[in-house]
Amino acid sequence: MGVIRRMGKQGDIPTKWELDDEGSVQQAQHVFDDAMRAKMLAFNMDEGGGEQIKSFDPKAREIVLIPQIAGGN
């Protein structure tokens, strides 16, 4: 099972999927694609930390989506 954790003002919103359940994989893909259109950053998390990704990987164990942070002067 994999999970996407979308971080936002409401906190951590999880979306789970199972590789053998095409509907749940499609839903997770949709959540990921929406986040990319919203210019969020995506990280594939593993035991050693995270690596930024640009496309959905249904084999990932955990994907974290975070909003971009704007810098100041």
Protein backbone atom coordinates (compact mmCIF):
# COMPACT_ATOMS: atom_id res chain seq x y z
CA MET A 1 0.00 0.00 0.00
CA GLY A 2 1.11 3.53 -0.73
CA VAL A 3 0.02 6.85 0.69
CA ILE A 4 0.14 10.46 -0.47
CA ARG A 5 0.24 13.01 2.35
CA ARG A 6 -0.90 16.41 1.09
CA MET A 7 0.15 19.13 3.52
CA GLY A 8 -1.92 22.28 3.72
CA LYS A 9 -3.86 24.63 5.95
CA GLN A 10 -6.13 21.76 7.03
CA GLY A 11 -3.11 19.64 8.02
CA ASP A 12 -2.11 16.27 6.56
CA ILE A 13 -4.69 14.91 4.09
CA PRO A 14 -3.86 11.26 3.24
CA THR A 15 -4.80 9.41 0.06
CA LYS A 16 -4.06 5.67 0.07
CA TRP A 17 -3.83 3.23 -2.80
CA GLU A 18 -3.19 -0.47 -3.45
CA LEU A 19 -1.28 -1.56 -6.56
CA ASP A 20 -3.89 -4.22 -7.31
CA ASP A 21 -6.77 -1.70 -7.08
CA GLU A 22 -6.77 0.35 -10.29
CA GLY A 23 -9.42 2.75 -8.97
CA SER A 24 -7.33 3.69 -5.92
CA VAL A 25 -4.22 4.12 -8.09
CA GLN A 26 -6.14 6.42 -10.45
CA GLN A 27 -7.44 8.46 -7.50
CA ALA A 28 -3.90 8.85 -6.14
CA GLN A 29 -2.66 9.84 -9.61
CA HIS A 30 -5.42 12.47 -9.77
CA VAL A 31 -4.44 13.89 -6.34
CA PHE A 32 -0.79 14.01 -7.43
CA ASP A 33 -1.59 15.69 -10.77
CA ASP A 34 -3.79 18.30 -9.05
CA ALA A 35 -0.94 19.09 -6.66
CA MET A 36 1.51 19.51 -9.53
CA ARG A 37 -0.90 21.91 -11.29
CA ALA A 38 -1.08 23.85 -8.01
CA LYS A 39 2.75 24.12 -8.08
CA MET A 40 3.20 21.96 -4.98
CA LEU A 41 6.45 20.09 -4.37
CA ALA A 42 6.44 16.27 -4.22
CA PHE A 43 8.86 14.04 -2.34
CA ASN A 44 9.15 10.25 -2.45
CA MET A 45 9.94 9.35 1.16
CA ASP A 46 11.98 6.34 2.22
CA GLU A 47 14.00 5.18 5.21
CA GLY A 48 16.86 7.61 4.49
CA GLY A 49 14.80 10.73 3.82
CA GLY A 50 13.11 12.02 0.71
CA GLU A 51 13.84 12.71 -2.94
CA GLN A 52 11.96 15.30 -4.97
CA ILE A 53 9.89 13.80 -7.79
CA LYS A 54 8.00 15.25 -10.74
CA SER A 55 5.77 12.29 -11.62
CA PHE A 56 3.57 9.88 -9.69
CA ASP A 57 5.12 6.49 -8.89
CA PRO A 58 2.46 3.94 -7.88
CA LYS A 59 5.21 1.75 -6.39
CA ALA A 60 6.19 4.47 -3.89
CA ARG A 61 5.52 3.72 -0.23
CA GLU A 62 4.94 7.36 0.76
CA ILE A 63 4.71 10.60 -1.21
CA VAL A 64 4.57 13.93 0.61
CA LEU A 65 3.13 16.99 -1.15
CA ILE A 66 3.95 20.42 0.26
CA PRO A 67 3.14 23.94 -0.92
CA GLN A 68 6.03 26.01 -2.22
CA ILE A 69 7.29 28.60 0.23
CA ALA A 70 7.80 32.09 -1.14
CA GLY A 71 10.91 33.92 -0.04
CA GLY A 72 11.08 37.49 1.15
CA ASN A 73 13.60 40.29 1.01
